[in-house]
Amino acid sequence: MSIPSPADEALVCSARSCRAAAVWALEWNNPRLHDADRRKTWLACDEHRSTLGGFLDARGFLRAVTPVPGSPTLDV
């Protein structure tokens, strides 16, 4: 029996109580706390992409939204 590594685990949405598969990576930073080139990442399912992105964008933190590697969004 092998122990799964974090790389083997499915990525899930960062929204509270959401267990859906993540298909979007929302890259952000807080310019008051982080260097300009530092990026933190929240993961989002299709349903929560706009709410999580809106939260970050309203604060001026959102830097990029990209598909998660291996997600079906790359096929669109």
N, C-alpha and C. Protein backbone atom coordinates (compact mmCIF):
# COMPACT_ATOMS: atom_id res chain seq x y z
N MET A 1 0.85 -1.17 0.00
CA MET A 1 0.00 0.00 0.00
C MET A 1 0.89 1.23 0.00
N SER A 2 0.55 2.21 -0.86
CA SER A 2 1.34 3.43 -0.91
C SER A 2 0.55 4.59 -0.32
N ILE A 3 1.27 5.54 0.20
CA ILE A 3 0.66 6.73 0.76
C ILE A 3 0.59 7.78 -0.34
N PRO A 4 -0.60 8.33 -0.61
CA PRO A 4 -0.69 9.32 -1.68
C PRO A 4 0.09 10.59 -1.33
N SER A 5 0.74 11.14 -2.32
CA SER A 5 1.46 12.41 -2.12
C SER A 5 0.52 13.55 -2.48
N PRO A 6 0.83 14.77 -2.04
CA PRO A 6 -0.02 15.91 -2.38
C PRO A 6 -0.19 16.09 -3.89
N ALA A 7 0.81 15.72 -4.68
CA ALA A 7 0.72 15.84 -6.13
C ALA A 7 -0.30 14.87 -6.71
N ASP A 8 -0.58 13.77 -5.99
CA ASP A 8 -1.54 12.78 -6.46
C ASP A 8 -2.98 13.15 -6.11
N GLU A 9 -3.16 14.05 -5.17
CA GLU A 9 -4.49 14.41 -4.71
C GLU A 9 -5.15 15.39 -5.67
N ALA A 10 -6.45 15.26 -5.82
CA ALA A 10 -7.20 16.17 -6.68
C ALA A 10 -7.19 17.58 -6.09
N LEU A 11 -7.07 18.57 -6.93
CA LEU A 11 -7.11 19.96 -6.49
C LEU A 11 -8.57 20.37 -6.34
N VAL A 12 -8.90 21.02 -5.21
CA VAL A 12 -10.28 21.42 -4.96
C VAL A 12 -10.37 22.94 -4.86
N CYS A 13 -11.55 23.42 -5.07
CA CYS A 13 -11.85 24.85 -5.03
C CYS A 13 -11.53 25.42 -3.64
N SER A 14 -11.05 26.66 -3.63
CA SER A 14 -10.70 27.34 -2.37
C SER A 14 -11.90 27.98 -1.68
N ALA A 15 -13.06 28.03 -2.33
CA ALA A 15 -14.24 28.62 -1.71
C ALA A 15 -14.65 27.80 -0.49
N ARG A 16 -15.12 28.49 0.52
CA ARG A 16 -15.52 27.83 1.76
C ARG A 16 -16.55 26.75 1.51
N SER A 17 -16.33 25.58 2.05
CA SER A 17 -17.21 24.41 1.99
C SER A 17 -17.40 23.82 0.60
N CYS A 18 -16.66 24.30 -0.39
CA CYS A 18 -16.77 23.74 -1.74
C CYS A 18 -15.76 22.61 -1.89
N ARG A 19 -16.21 21.49 -2.39
CA ARG A 19 -15.32 20.34 -2.60
C ARG A 19 -15.21 20.01 -4.09
N ALA A 20 -15.65 20.93 -4.95
CA ALA A 20 -15.62 20.71 -6.40
C ALA A 20 -14.18 20.77 -6.90
N ALA A 21 -13.95 20.11 -8.01
CA ALA A 21 -12.61 20.12 -8.61
C ALA A 21 -12.26 21.53 -9.07
N ALA A 22 -11.03 21.92 -8.81
CA ALA A 22 -10.55 23.23 -9.25
C ALA A 22 -10.18 23.16 -10.72
N VAL A 23 -10.64 24.16 -11.47
CA VAL A 23 -10.30 24.25 -12.88
C VAL A 23 -9.64 25.58 -13.22
N TRP A 24 -9.62 26.51 -12.27
CA TRP A 24 -9.00 27.82 -12.47
C TRP A 24 -8.04 28.13 -11.33
N ALA A 25 -6.93 28.78 -11.68
CA ALA A 25 -5.97 29.28 -10.69
C ALA A 25 -6.04 30.80 -10.71
N LEU A 26 -6.37 31.38 -9.57
CA LEU A 26 -6.42 32.83 -9.44
C LEU A 26 -5.14 33.27 -8.74
N GLU A 27 -4.28 33.91 -9.49
CA GLU A 27 -2.99 34.36 -8.95
C GLU A 27 -3.16 35.78 -8.42
N TRP A 28 -2.65 35.99 -7.21
CA TRP A 28 -2.84 37.29 -6.58
C TRP A 28 -1.67 37.62 -5.67
N ASN A 29 -1.61 38.88 -5.28
CA ASN A 29 -0.71 39.31 -4.22
C ASN A 29 -1.26 40.59 -3.60
N ASN A 30 -0.88 40.82 -2.37
CA ASN A 30 -1.22 42.05 -1.67
C ASN A 30 0.00 42.94 -1.75
N PRO A 31 -0.06 44.02 -2.54
CA PRO A 31 1.13 44.85 -2.73
C PRO A 31 1.66 45.49 -1.44
N ARG A 32 0.84 45.57 -0.42
CA ARG A 32 1.32 46.10 0.86
C ARG A 32 2.21 45.10 1.59
N LEU A 33 2.01 43.81 1.31
CA LEU A 33 2.73 42.77 2.03
C LEU A 33 3.74 42.00 1.18
N HIS A 34 3.49 41.90 -0.13
CA HIS A 34 4.30 41.03 -0.99
C HIS A 34 5.06 41.82 -2.03
N ASP A 35 6.23 41.31 -2.42
CA ASP A 35 6.98 41.87 -3.53
C ASP A 35 6.12 41.80 -4.78
N ALA A 36 6.38 42.66 -5.76
CA ALA A 36 5.57 42.73 -6.98
C ALA A 36 5.56 41.42 -7.75
N ASP A 37 6.65 40.65 -7.69
CA ASP A 37 6.71 39.41 -8.46
C ASP A 37 6.21 38.19 -7.70
N ARG A 38 5.87 38.32 -6.44
CA ARG A 38 5.36 37.20 -5.66
C ARG A 38 3.90 36.95 -6.00
N ARG A 39 3.53 35.70 -6.14
CA ARG A 39 2.15 35.33 -6.43
C ARG A 39 1.68 34.26 -5.45
N LYS A 40 0.49 34.46 -4.93
CA LYS A 40 -0.19 33.45 -4.15
C LYS A 40 -1.30 32.92 -5.06
N THR A 41 -1.83 31.75 -4.76
CA THR A 41 -2.83 31.15 -5.64
C THR A 41 -4.03 30.65 -4.87
N TRP A 42 -5.20 31.02 -5.34
CA TRP A 42 -6.45 30.42 -4.91
C TRP A 42 -6.93 29.59 -6.07
N LEU A 43 -7.51 28.45 -5.78
CA LEU A 43 -8.07 27.58 -6.81
C LEU A 43 -9.58 27.76 -6.84
N ALA A 44 -10.17 27.66 -8.03
CA ALA A 44 -11.60 27.87 -8.15
C ALA A 44 -12.23 26.88 -9.12
N CYS A 45 -13.45 26.47 -8.78
CA CYS A 45 -14.27 25.70 -9.72
C CYS A 45 -14.96 26.73 -10.63
N ASP A 46 -15.68 26.25 -11.64
CA ASP A 46 -16.37 27.18 -12.53
C ASP A 46 -17.38 28.05 -11.78
N GLU A 47 -18.07 27.45 -10.81
CA GLU A 47 -19.11 28.18 -10.07
C GLU A 47 -18.54 29.33 -9.24
N HIS A 48 -17.35 29.16 -8.66
CA HIS A 48 -16.80 30.17 -7.75
C HIS A 48 -15.73 31.06 -8.38
N ARG A 49 -15.43 30.86 -9.64
CA ARG A 49 -14.40 31.68 -10.29
C ARG A 49 -14.73 33.17 -10.18
N SER A 50 -15.96 33.55 -10.47
CA SER A 50 -16.30 34.97 -10.46
C SER A 50 -16.36 35.56 -9.05
N THR A 51 -16.86 34.80 -8.07
CA THR A 51 -16.95 35.36 -6.72
C THR A 51 -15.57 35.50 -6.08
N LEU A 52 -14.73 34.48 -6.21
CA LEU A 52 -13.38 34.58 -5.66
C LEU A 52 -12.58 35.65 -6.40
N GLY A 53 -12.70 35.66 -7.73
CA GLY A 53 -12.00 36.67 -8.53
C GLY A 53 -12.48 38.07 -8.21
N GLY A 54 -13.79 38.24 -8.02
CA GLY A 54 -14.34 39.55 -7.68
C GLY A 54 -13.84 40.05 -6.34
N PHE A 55 -13.76 39.16 -5.37
CA PHE A 55 -13.25 39.51 -4.04
C PHE A 55 -11.82 40.05 -4.16
N LEU A 56 -10.97 39.33 -4.90
CA LEU A 56 -9.58 39.75 -5.05
C LEU A 56 -9.46 41.01 -5.89
N ASP A 57 -10.24 41.10 -6.96
CA ASP A 57 -10.16 42.25 -7.86
C ASP A 57 -10.62 43.53 -7.17
N ALA A 58 -11.66 43.45 -6.34
CA ALA A 58 -12.17 44.62 -5.63
C ALA A 58 -11.11 45.23 -4.71
N ARG A 59 -10.16 44.43 -4.28
CA ARG A 59 -9.09 44.89 -3.40
C ARG A 59 -7.82 45.23 -4.16
N GLY A 60 -7.84 45.02 -5.47
CA GLY A 60 -6.65 45.29 -6.28
C GLY A 60 -5.59 44.21 -6.16
N PHE A 61 -5.99 43.01 -5.75
CA PHE A 61 -5.02 41.93 -5.53
C PHE A 61 -4.90 40.97 -6.71
N LEU A 62 -5.94 40.84 -7.53
CA LEU A 62 -5.96 39.84 -8.61
C LEU A 62 -4.94 40.20 -9.68
N ARG A 63 -4.09 39.24 -10.04
CA ARG A 63 -3.06 39.46 -11.05
C ARG A 63 -3.31 38.66 -12.32
N ALA A 64 -3.82 37.43 -12.20
CA ALA A 64 -4.06 36.60 -13.38
C ALA A 64 -5.03 35.47 -13.03
N VAL A 65 -5.77 35.03 -14.04
CA VAL A 65 -6.63 33.85 -13.93
C VAL A 65 -6.23 32.92 -15.06
N THR A 66 -5.80 31.72 -14.69
CA THR A 66 -5.34 30.76 -15.69
C THR A 66 -5.96 29.39 -15.42
N PRO A 67 -6.11 28.58 -16.48
CA PRO A 67 -6.62 27.22 -16.27
C PRO A 67 -5.64 26.39 -15.46
N VAL A 68 -6.17 25.53 -14.63
CA VAL A 68 -5.33 24.59 -13.87
C VAL A 68 -4.85 23.51 -14.86
N PRO A 69 -3.57 23.20 -14.89
CA PRO A 69 -3.08 22.15 -15.78
C PRO A 69 -3.86 20.85 -15.61
N GLY A 70 -4.28 20.26 -16.72
CA GLY A 70 -5.03 19.01 -16.68
C GLY A 70 -6.52 19.19 -16.53
N SER A 71 -6.99 20.45 -16.41
CA SER A 71 -8.41 20.67 -16.26
C SER A 71 -9.10 20.71 -17.63
N PRO A 72 -10.40 20.44 -17.66
CA PRO A 72 -11.12 20.48 -18.93
C PRO A 72 -11.14 21.87 -19.55
N THR A 73 -10.86 22.92 -18.80
CA THR A 73 -10.88 24.28 -19.35
C THR A 73 -9.80 24.46 -20.40
N LEU A 74 -8.77 23.64 -20.36
CA LEU A 74 -7.72 23.75 -21.37
C LEU A 74 -8.18 23.25 -22.73
N ASP A 75 -9.25 22.45 -22.74
CA ASP A 75 -9.78 21.91 -23.99
C ASP A 75 -10.76 22.85 -24.67
N VAL A 76 -11.16 23.91 -23.99
CA VAL A 76 -12.17 24.83 -24.53
C VAL A 76 -11.55 25.74 -25.57
